C-alpha atoms as a PDB file:
ATOM      1  CA  MET A   1      16.080 -18.220   5.866  1.00  0.00           C
ATOM      2  CA  GLY A   2      13.504 -20.720   7.170  1.00  0.00           C
ATOM      3  CA  THR A   3      10.370 -21.823   5.362  1.00  0.00           C
ATOM      4  CA  THR A   4       8.147 -22.433   8.242  1.00  0.00           C
ATOM      5  CA  GLN A   5       4.853 -20.543   7.858  1.00  0.00           C
ATOM      6  CA  LEU A   6       3.841 -18.029  10.459  1.00  0.00           C
ATOM      7  CA  GLU A   7       1.455 -19.137  13.239  1.00  0.00           C
ATOM      8  CA  ALA A   8      -1.515 -17.088  14.419  1.00  0.00           C
ATOM      9  CA  VAL A   9      -0.264 -14.331  16.675  1.00  0.00           C
ATOM     10  CA  GLN A  10      -2.026 -11.440  18.501  1.00  0.00           C
ATOM     11  CA  GLU A  11       0.186  -8.670  17.035  1.00  0.00           C
ATOM     12  CA  PRO A  12      -0.296  -7.643  13.458  1.00  0.00           C
ATOM     13  CA  LYS A  13       0.988 -10.251  11.063  1.00  0.00           C
ATOM     14  CA  TYR A  14       3.399  -7.854   9.225  1.00  0.00           C
ATOM     15  CA  TRP A  15       4.909  -6.910  12.545  1.00  0.00           C
ATOM     16  CA  HIS A  16       5.581 -10.560  13.559  1.00  0.00           C
ATOM     17  CA  LEU A  17       7.001 -11.064  10.040  1.00  0.00           C
ATOM     18  CA  LYS A  18       9.272  -8.067  10.503  1.00  0.00           C
ATOM     19  CA  THR A  19      10.603  -9.589  13.715  1.00  0.00           C
ATOM     20  CA  VAL A  20      11.249 -12.991  11.957  1.00  0.00           C
ATOM     21  CA  LEU A  21      12.994 -11.156   9.078  1.00  0.00           C
ATOM     22  CA  SER A  22      15.129  -9.035  11.412  1.00  0.00           C
ATOM     23  CA  GLU A  23      16.442 -12.145  13.170  1.00  0.00           C
ATOM     24  CA  ALA A  24      17.267 -13.685   9.846  1.00  0.00           C
ATOM     25  CA  LEU A  25      19.104 -10.552   8.792  1.00  0.00           C
ATOM     26  CA  ASP A  26      21.298 -10.983  11.870  1.00  0.00           C
ATOM     27  CA  SER A  27      21.979 -14.651  11.370  1.00  0.00           C
ATOM     28  CA  ASP A  28      21.799 -15.428   7.634  1.00  0.00           C
ATOM     29  CA  PHE A  29      22.831 -12.331   5.660  1.00  0.00           C
ATOM     30  CA  ALA A  30      25.727 -10.079   5.404  1.00  0.00           C
ATOM     31  CA  VAL A  31      25.831  -6.295   4.851  1.00  0.00           C
ATOM     32  CA  GLY A  32      25.155  -5.447   1.206  1.00  0.00           C
ATOM     33  CA  GLU A  33      23.676  -8.877   0.478  1.00  0.00           C
ATOM     34  CA  ILE A  34      20.627  -8.964  -1.817  1.00  0.00           C
ATOM     35  CA  LEU A  35      17.372 -10.552  -0.436  1.00  0.00           C
ATOM     36  CA  PRO A  36      15.376 -12.867  -2.483  1.00  0.00           C
ATOM     37  CA  ASN A  37      12.523 -11.315  -4.477  1.00  0.00           C
ATOM     38  CA  GLU A  38       9.081 -10.566  -2.945  1.00  0.00           C
ATOM     39  CA  ARG A  39       7.482 -13.452  -4.482  1.00  0.00           C
ATOM     40  CA  GLU A  40       9.855 -15.955  -3.112  1.00  0.00           C
ATOM     41  CA  LEU A  41       9.840 -14.506   0.427  1.00  0.00           C
ATOM     42  CA  ALA A  42       6.020 -14.344   0.437  1.00  0.00           C
ATOM     43  CA  ALA A  43       5.949 -18.030  -0.503  1.00  0.00           C
ATOM     44  CA  ARG A  44       8.497 -19.025   2.119  1.00  0.00           C
ATOM     45  CA  PHE A  45       6.537 -17.469   4.899  1.00  0.00           C
ATOM     46  CA  GLY A  46       3.123 -18.130   3.704  1.00  0.00           C
ATOM     47  CA  VAL A  47       1.978 -14.430   3.682  1.00  0.00           C
ATOM     48  CA  ALA A  48       0.350 -12.147   1.064  1.00  0.00           C
ATOM     49  CA  ARG A  49       2.855  -9.910  -0.753  1.00  0.00           C
ATOM     50  CA  ALA A  50       1.136  -6.861   0.790  1.00  0.00           C
ATOM     51  CA  THR A  51       1.908  -8.135   4.222  1.00  0.00           C
ATOM     52  CA  LEU A  52       5.542  -8.774   3.262  1.00  0.00           C
ATOM     53  CA  ARG A  53       5.796  -5.230   1.789  1.00  0.00           C
ATOM     54  CA  GLN A  54       4.604  -3.744   5.065  1.00  0.00           C
ATOM     55  CA  ALA A  55       7.336  -5.696   6.958  1.00  0.00           C
ATOM     56  CA  LEU A  56      10.061  -4.708   4.459  1.00  0.00           C
ATOM     57  CA  GLU A  57       8.927  -1.137   4.593  1.00  0.00           C
ATOM     58  CA  GLN A  58       9.221  -1.020   8.361  1.00  0.00           C
ATOM     59  CA  LEU A  59      12.676  -2.719   8.289  1.00  0.00           C
ATOM     60  CA  GLU A  60      13.687  -0.007   5.724  1.00  0.00           C
ATOM     61  CA  LEU A  61      12.393   2.785   7.991  1.00  0.00           C
ATOM     62  CA  GLU A  62      14.454   1.270  10.848  1.00  0.00           C
ATOM     63  CA  GLY A  63      17.573   1.154   8.826  1.00  0.00           C
ATOM     64  CA  ARG A  64      17.899  -2.530   8.370  1.00  0.00           C
ATOM     65  CA  LEU A  65      17.201  -2.657   4.643  1.00  0.00           C
ATOM     66  CA  GLN A  66      17.832  -0.482   1.677  1.00  0.00           C
ATOM     67  CA  ARG A  67      16.035  -0.473  -1.711  1.00  0.00           C
ATOM     68  CA  ARG A  68      18.462   0.396  -4.470  1.00  0.00           C
ATOM     69  CA  ARG A  69      17.715   1.156  -8.155  1.00  0.00           C
ATOM     70  CA  GLY A  70      18.637  -1.688 -10.462  1.00  0.00           C
ATOM     71  CA  VAL A  71      19.822  -3.850  -7.463  1.00  0.00           C
ATOM     72  CA  GLY A  72      16.739  -4.686  -5.298  1.00  0.00           C
ATOM     73  CA  THR A  73      16.512  -4.857  -1.473  1.00  0.00           C
ATOM     74  CA  THR A  74      19.875  -5.198   0.326  1.00  0.00           C
ATOM     75  CA  VAL A  75      20.982  -5.490   3.890  1.00  0.00           C
ATOM     76  CA  ALA A  76      21.928  -1.971   5.098  1.00  0.00           C
ATOM     77  CA  PRO A  77      25.296  -1.068   6.606  1.00  0.00           C
ATOM     78  CA  PRO A  78      25.354   0.483  10.189  1.00  0.00           C
ATOM     79  CA  ARG A  79      24.040   4.073  10.316  1.00  0.00           C
ATOM     80  CA  VAL A  80      26.350   6.944   9.703  1.00  0.00           C
ATOM     81  CA  GLY A  81      27.024   9.503  12.367  1.00  0.00           C
ATOM     82  CA  VAL A  82      26.955  13.064  11.265  1.00  0.00           C
ATOM     83  CA  ALA A  83      26.221  16.348  13.136  1.00  0.00           C
ATOM     84  CA  VAL A  84      23.239  18.353  12.006  1.00  0.00           C
ATOM     85  CA  ALA A  85      24.186  21.745  13.482  1.00  0.00           C
ATOM     86  CA  THR A  86      25.637  24.167  11.050  1.00  0.00           C
ATOM     87  CA  ALA A  87      28.252  26.459  12.446  1.00  0.00           C
ATOM     88  CA  GLN A  88      29.023  29.644  10.565  1.00  0.00           C
ATOM     89  CA  HIS A  89      32.659  28.437   9.870  1.00  0.00           C
ATOM     90  CA  ASP A  90      31.134  25.911   7.564  1.00  0.00           C
ATOM     91  CA  TRP A  91      30.478  28.683   5.127  1.00  0.00           C
ATOM     92  CA  ALA A  92      33.777  30.534   5.506  1.00  0.00           C
ATOM     93  CA  ASP A  93      35.301  29.196   2.300  1.00  0.00           C
ATOM     94  CA  GLY A  94      31.937  28.796   0.472  1.00  0.00           C
ATOM     95  CA  GLY A  95      31.889  24.995   1.019  1.00  0.00           C
ATOM     96  CA  SER A  96      34.985  23.611  -0.607  1.00  0.00           C
ATOM     97  CA  ALA A  97      35.258  19.993  -1.742  1.00  0.00           C
ATOM     98  CA  GLY A  98      37.040  19.232   1.511  1.00  0.00           C
ATOM     99  CA  GLU A  99      33.989  20.236   3.563  1.00  0.00           C
ATOM    100  CA  ALA A 100      31.156  17.866   4.527  1.00  0.00           C
ATOM    101  CA  TRP A 101      28.680  20.090   2.572  1.00  0.00           C
ATOM    102  CA  GLN A 102      29.536  20.472  -1.115  1.00  0.00           C
ATOM    103  CA  PRO A 103      27.907  22.965  -3.308  1.00  0.00           C
ATOM    104  CA  VAL A 104      26.242  21.662  -6.419  1.00  0.00           C
ATOM    105  CA  GLU A 105      24.187  24.559  -7.982  1.00  0.00           C
ATOM    106  CA  CYS A 106      22.891  28.085  -7.449  1.00  0.00           C
ATOM    107  CA  THR A 107      19.862  29.471  -9.215  1.00  0.00           C
ATOM    108  CA  ASP A 108      17.562  32.502  -8.871  1.00  0.00           C
ATOM    109  CA  ALA A 109      13.903  31.372  -8.366  1.00  0.00           C
ATOM    110  CA  PRO A 110      10.871  32.127  -6.112  1.00  0.00           C
ATOM    111  CA  ALA A 111      10.808  30.310  -2.910  1.00  0.00           C
ATOM    112  CA  PRO A 112       8.027  27.983  -1.844  1.00  0.00           C
ATOM    113  CA  ALA A 113       5.183  29.774  -0.301  1.00  0.00           C
ATOM    114  CA  ALA A 114       5.941  28.557   3.249  1.00  0.00           C
ATOM    115  CA  VAL A 115       9.551  29.497   2.877  1.00  0.00           C
ATOM    116  CA  ALA A 116       8.726  32.915   1.383  1.00  0.00           C
ATOM    117  CA  ALA A 117       6.515  33.652   4.333  1.00  0.00           C
ATOM    118  CA  VAL A 118       9.398  32.856   6.812  1.00  0.00           C
ATOM    119  CA  LEU A 119      11.731  35.008   4.841  1.00  0.00           C
ATOM    120  CA  SER A 120       9.160  37.872   4.542  1.00  0.00           C
ATOM    121  CA  VAL A 121       9.378  37.955   0.846  1.00  0.00           C
ATOM    122  CA  GLY A 122       6.662  37.797  -1.864  1.00  0.00           C
ATOM    123  CA  THR A 123       5.846  34.491  -3.527  1.00  0.00           C
ATOM    124  CA  ASP A 124       6.764  36.004  -6.881  1.00  0.00           C
ATOM    125  CA  GLU A 125      10.062  37.448  -5.614  1.00  0.00           C
ATOM    126  CA  THR A 126      13.206  35.540  -6.628  1.00  0.00           C
ATOM    127  CA  VAL A 127      15.743  34.509  -4.093  1.00  0.00           C
ATOM    128  CA  HIS A 128      19.078  32.803  -4.330  1.00  0.00           C
ATOM    129  CA  VAL A 129      18.599  28.969  -4.131  1.00  0.00           C
ATOM    130  CA  VAL A 130      21.841  27.089  -3.210  1.00  0.00           C
ATOM    131  CA  ARG A 131      21.809  23.338  -3.670  1.00  0.00           C
ATOM    132  CA  ARG A 132      24.257  21.357  -1.685  1.00  0.00           C
ATOM    133  CA  ILE A 133      24.926  17.679  -0.808  1.00  0.00           C
ATOM    134  CA  ARG A 134      26.394  16.395   2.352  1.00  0.00           C
ATOM    135  CA  VAL A 135      29.043  13.553   2.174  1.00  0.00           C
ATOM    136  CA  ALA A 136      29.916  11.481   5.178  1.00  0.00           C
ATOM    137  CA  HIS A 137      32.087   8.266   5.197  1.00  0.00           C
ATOM    138  CA  GLY A 138      32.104   8.300   1.427  1.00  0.00           C
ATOM    139  CA  GLN A 139      28.363   8.380   0.894  1.00  0.00           C
ATOM    140  CA  THR A 140      25.872  11.065   0.357  1.00  0.00           C
ATOM    141  CA  VAL A 141      23.613  11.280   3.433  1.00  0.00           C
ATOM    142  CA  ALA A 142      21.753  14.594   2.717  1.00  0.00           C
ATOM    143  CA  ALA A 143      20.613  17.035   0.075  1.00  0.00           C
ATOM    144  CA  GLU A 144      19.936  20.673   0.971  1.00  0.00           C
ATOM    145  CA  LEU A 145      18.125  23.592  -0.558  1.00  0.00           C
ATOM    146  CA  LEU A 146      19.221  26.887   0.959  1.00  0.00           C
ATOM    147  CA  TYR A 147      16.963  29.926   0.325  1.00  0.00           C
ATOM    148  CA  VAL A 148      18.788  33.265   0.549  1.00  0.00           C
ATOM    149  CA  PRO A 149      17.035  36.682  -0.169  1.00  0.00           C
ATOM    150  CA  ALA A 150      18.986  39.200  -2.080  1.00  0.00           C
ATOM    151  CA  ALA A 151      18.751  41.506   0.839  1.00  0.00           C
ATOM    152  CA  SER A 152      20.815  39.147   2.955  1.00  0.00           C
ATOM    153  CA  VAL A 153      23.729  39.174   0.607  1.00  0.00           C
ATOM    154  CA  PRO A 154      23.965  42.932  -0.602  1.00  0.00           C
ATOM    155  CA  GLY A 155      27.725  42.338  -1.380  1.00  0.00           C
ATOM    156  CA  LEU A 156      27.120  39.619  -3.836  1.00  0.00           C
ATOM    157  CA  PRO A 157      28.747  40.530  -7.201  1.00  0.00           C
ATOM    158  CA  ALA A 158      26.151  41.566  -9.688  1.00  0.00           C
ATOM    159  CA  VAL A 159      28.427  40.468 -12.491  1.00  0.00           C
ATOM    160  CA  GLY A 160      29.634  36.906 -12.902  1.00  0.00           C
ATOM    161  CA  MET A 161      28.264  33.381 -13.043  1.00  0.00           C
ATOM    162  CA  ARG A 162      24.503  33.247 -12.382  1.00  0.00           C
ATOM    163  CA  SER A 163      24.442  29.494 -11.637  1.00  0.00           C
ATOM    164  CA  GLY A 164      26.699  26.608 -10.769  1.00  0.00           C
ATOM    165  CA  PRO A 165      28.982  25.644  -7.789  1.00  0.00           C
ATOM    166  CA  ALA A 166      31.119  28.884  -8.108  1.00  0.00           C
ATOM    167  CA  ARG A 167      27.992  31.057  -7.714  1.00  0.00           C
ATOM    168  CA  ALA A 168      26.810  28.903  -4.815  1.00  0.00           C
ATOM    169  CA  ARG A 169      30.215  29.519  -3.072  1.00  0.00           C
ATOM    170  CA  ASN A 170      29.827  33.251  -3.584  1.00  0.00           C
ATOM    171  CA  VAL A 171      26.470  33.274  -1.823  1.00  0.00           C
ATOM    172  CA  LEU A 172      27.754  31.345   1.106  1.00  0.00           C
ATOM    173  CA  GLN A 173      30.831  33.530   1.516  1.00  0.00           C
ATOM    174  CA  GLU A 174      28.581  36.566   1.552  1.00  0.00           C
ATOM    175  CA  LEU A 175      26.402  34.851   4.211  1.00  0.00           C
ATOM    176  CA  TYR A 176      29.488  34.278   6.247  1.00  0.00           C
ATOM    177  CA  ARG A 177      30.416  37.983   5.982  1.00  0.00           C
ATOM    178  CA  LEU A 178      26.960  38.966   7.051  1.00  0.00           C
ATOM    179  CA  GLY A 179      27.474  37.509  10.461  1.00  0.00           C
ATOM    180  CA  LEU A 180      24.605  35.316  11.769  1.00  0.00           C
ATOM    181  CA  ASP A 181      23.133  35.804  15.269  1.00  0.00           C
ATOM    182  CA  GLY A 182      21.597  32.297  15.755  1.00  0.00           C
ATOM    183  CA  GLN A 183      19.381  29.542  14.216  1.00  0.00           C
ATOM    184  CA  ASP A 184      16.509  27.292  15.074  1.00  0.00           C
ATOM    185  CA  ARG A 185      15.438  24.040  13.410  1.00  0.00           C
ATOM    186  CA  SER A 186      12.629  21.505  13.244  1.00  0.00           C
ATOM    187  CA  VAL A 187      12.811  17.851  12.159  1.00  0.00           C
ATOM    188  CA  GLU A 188      10.110  15.713  10.671  1.00  0.00           C
ATOM    189  CA  LEU A 189       9.787  12.424   8.896  1.00  0.00           C
ATOM    190  CA  GLY A 190       8.967  12.669   5.225  1.00  0.00           C
ATOM    191  CA  SER A 191       9.232  10.912   1.825  1.00  0.00           C
ATOM    192  CA  ALA A 192      11.959  11.498  -0.738  1.00  0.00           C
ATOM    193  CA  ARG A 193      11.077  13.681  -3.728  1.00  0.00           C
ATOM    194  CA  VAL A 194      12.264  12.587  -7.037  1.00  0.00           C
ATOM    195  CA  ASP A 195      15.257  15.055  -7.149  1.00  0.00           C
ATOM    196  CA  ASP A 196      16.382  14.215  -3.650  1.00  0.00           C
ATOM    197  CA  ALA A 197      15.972  10.521  -4.110  1.00  0.00           C
ATOM    198  CA  LYS A 198      18.310  10.572  -7.117  1.00  0.00           C
ATOM    199  CA  GLU A 199      20.982  12.411  -5.211  1.00  0.00           C
ATOM    200  CA  LEU A 200      20.596  10.214  -2.201  1.00  0.00           C
ATOM    201  CA  ASP A 201      20.645   6.987  -4.162  1.00  0.00           C
ATOM    202  CA  ARG A 202      17.172   6.096  -2.862  1.00  0.00           C
ATOM    203  CA  LEU A 203      13.862   5.367  -4.478  1.00  0.00           C
ATOM    204  CA  PRO A 204      11.240   8.120  -4.687  1.00  0.00           C
ATOM    205  CA  GLY A 205       9.097   7.943  -1.673  1.00  0.00           C
ATOM    206  CA  ALA A 206      11.804   6.405   0.582  1.00  0.00           C
ATOM    207  CA  PRO A 207      11.666   7.534   4.194  1.00  0.00           C
ATOM    208  CA  VAL A 208      13.727  10.712   4.879  1.00  0.00           C
ATOM    209  CA  LEU A 209      14.276  13.122   7.711  1.00  0.00           C
ATOM    210  CA  VAL A 210      13.564  16.743   6.731  1.00  0.00           C
ATOM    211  CA  VAL A 211      15.596  19.243   8.825  1.00  0.00           C
ATOM    212  CA  THR A 212      14.379  22.821   8.319  1.00  0.00           C
ATOM    213  CA  THR A 213      16.637  25.562   9.773  1.00  0.00           C
ATOM    214  CA  ARG A 214      16.185  29.291  10.008  1.00  0.00           C
ATOM    215  CA  TYR A 215      19.289  31.485  10.162  1.00  0.00           C
ATOM    216  CA  PHE A 216      18.938  34.786  11.948  1.00  0.00           C
ATOM    217  CA  ALA A 217      20.734  38.114  11.453  1.00  0.00           C
ATOM    218  CA  ALA A 218      20.057  41.579  13.124  1.00  0.00           C
ATOM    219  CA  SER A 219      17.481  42.323  10.416  1.00  0.00           C
ATOM    220  CA  GLY A 220      15.592  39.014  10.912  1.00  0.00           C
ATOM    221  CA  THR A 221      15.650  35.744   9.114  1.00  0.00           C
ATOM    222  CA  ALA A 222      18.575  35.780   6.812  1.00  0.00           C
ATOM    223  CA  ALA A 223      18.161  32.392   5.113  1.00  0.00           C
ATOM    224  CA  VAL A 224      16.199  29.151   5.332  1.00  0.00           C
ATOM    225  CA  SER A 225      17.657  25.675   4.774  1.00  0.00           C
ATOM    226  CA  VAL A 226      15.545  22.582   3.904  1.00  0.00           C
ATOM    227  CA  ALA A 227      17.870  19.575   4.247  1.00  0.00           C
ATOM    228  CA  THR A 228      16.693  16.050   3.495  1.00  0.00           C
ATOM    229  CA  TYR A 229      18.666  13.303   5.217  1.00  0.00           C
ATOM    230  CA  ARG A 230      18.432   9.549   4.576  1.00  0.00           C
ATOM    231  CA  ALA A 231      16.260   8.081   7.299  1.00  0.00           C
ATOM    232  CA  ASP A 232      17.814   4.656   6.818  1.00  0.00           C
ATOM    233  CA  THR A 233      21.254   5.877   7.604  1.00  0.00           C
ATOM    234  CA  CYS A 234      20.650   8.403  10.376  1.00  0.00           C
ATOM    235  CA  ARG A 235      19.294   8.376  13.973  1.00  0.00           C
ATOM    236  CA  LEU A 236      18.591  11.572  15.945  1.00  0.00           C
ATOM    237  CA  THR A 237      20.084  12.169  19.334  1.00  0.00           C
ATOM    238  CA  PHE A 238      20.564  15.219  21.533  1.00  0.00           C
ATOM    239  CA  GLY A 239      23.877  16.002  23.100  1.00  0.00           C
ATOM    240  CA  ASP A 240      24.529  17.624  26.495  1.00  0.00           C
ATOM    241  CA  SER A 241      24.991  20.931  24.802  1.00  0.00           C
ATOM    242  CA  GLY A 242      21.552  20.850  23.413  1.00  0.00           C
ATOM    243  CA  ALA A 243      22.943  20.788  19.820  1.00  0.00           C
ATOM    244  CA  LEU A 244      21.071  18.415  17.531  1.00  0.00           C
ATOM    245  CA  GLU A 245      23.033  15.589  16.069  1.00  0.00           C
ATOM    246  CA  ILE A 246      22.595  12.491  13.924  1.00  0.00           C
ATOM    247  CA  SER A 247      24.636   9.607  15.213  1.00  0.00           C
ATOM    248  CA  HIS A 248      24.740   5.951  15.491  1.00  0.00           C
ATOM    249  CA  GLU A 249      26.028   3.027  17.588  1.00  0.00           C
ATOM    250  CA  GLU A 250      27.653   0.344  15.561  1.00  0.00           C
ATOM    251  CA  GLN A 251      25.663  -2.462  17.130  1.00  0.00           C
ATOM    252  CA  THR A 252      22.410  -0.539  17.853  1.00  0.00           C
ATOM    253  CA  ARG A 253      19.432  -1.750  15.838  1.00  0.00           C
ATOM    254  CA  GLN A 254      16.612   0.244  17.370  1.00  0.00           C
ATOM    255  CA  ALA A 255      14.175   2.328  15.301  1.00  0.00           C
ATOM    256  CA  SER A 256      14.864   6.089  15.192  1.00  0.00           C
END
């Protein structure tokens, strides 16, 4: 990586630095390689550390860099392609270990106020909260909270485990038996919460894509999913069918 200080440019200094760093990543670094620390990089390019952080944050958002606990900032691998749309057959076996989505936990708790309003339940009313992770190409790319009112799964056994993966599978199986009539979803950029960051191997506050999905049945909204995807590994595209997907091209380095 060169040591020439940046010349005066019209564009913001951090943006120009981002371009310089991006070119260096292509020519001087391999995937997974650790970058020098911030102090050394700032000195090499003659910029303030605040300017450097802005450039690094932008590169992380674009999927060029990853910040990892206890490791530092590394060059990111190509983005992983995974489909966002959830077909009903994904729940047929309750999400076995062989499925992309893997159940982690199921508890009974009140839903967040915004979710409770969509589900038409009281903010003090408990619902089934299924937590799952999504694994693609050997890495965890998403963490999901699925909120299911008791009325949506009337056949759920009243006796048995009240938490854990087995209970999560029971809830998913009952949703499958219910028969869903459709779904809609929204996508927004967000920051990783502490719990999600831990499961996704990111730092709290790292950029994420939050995909909120409503599942419909004859009686109304049957469940709401809030899935947090790693923004540094995923890029949104829309297929000809209109189904939302997250995919990548091996050599594409464009921002999402």
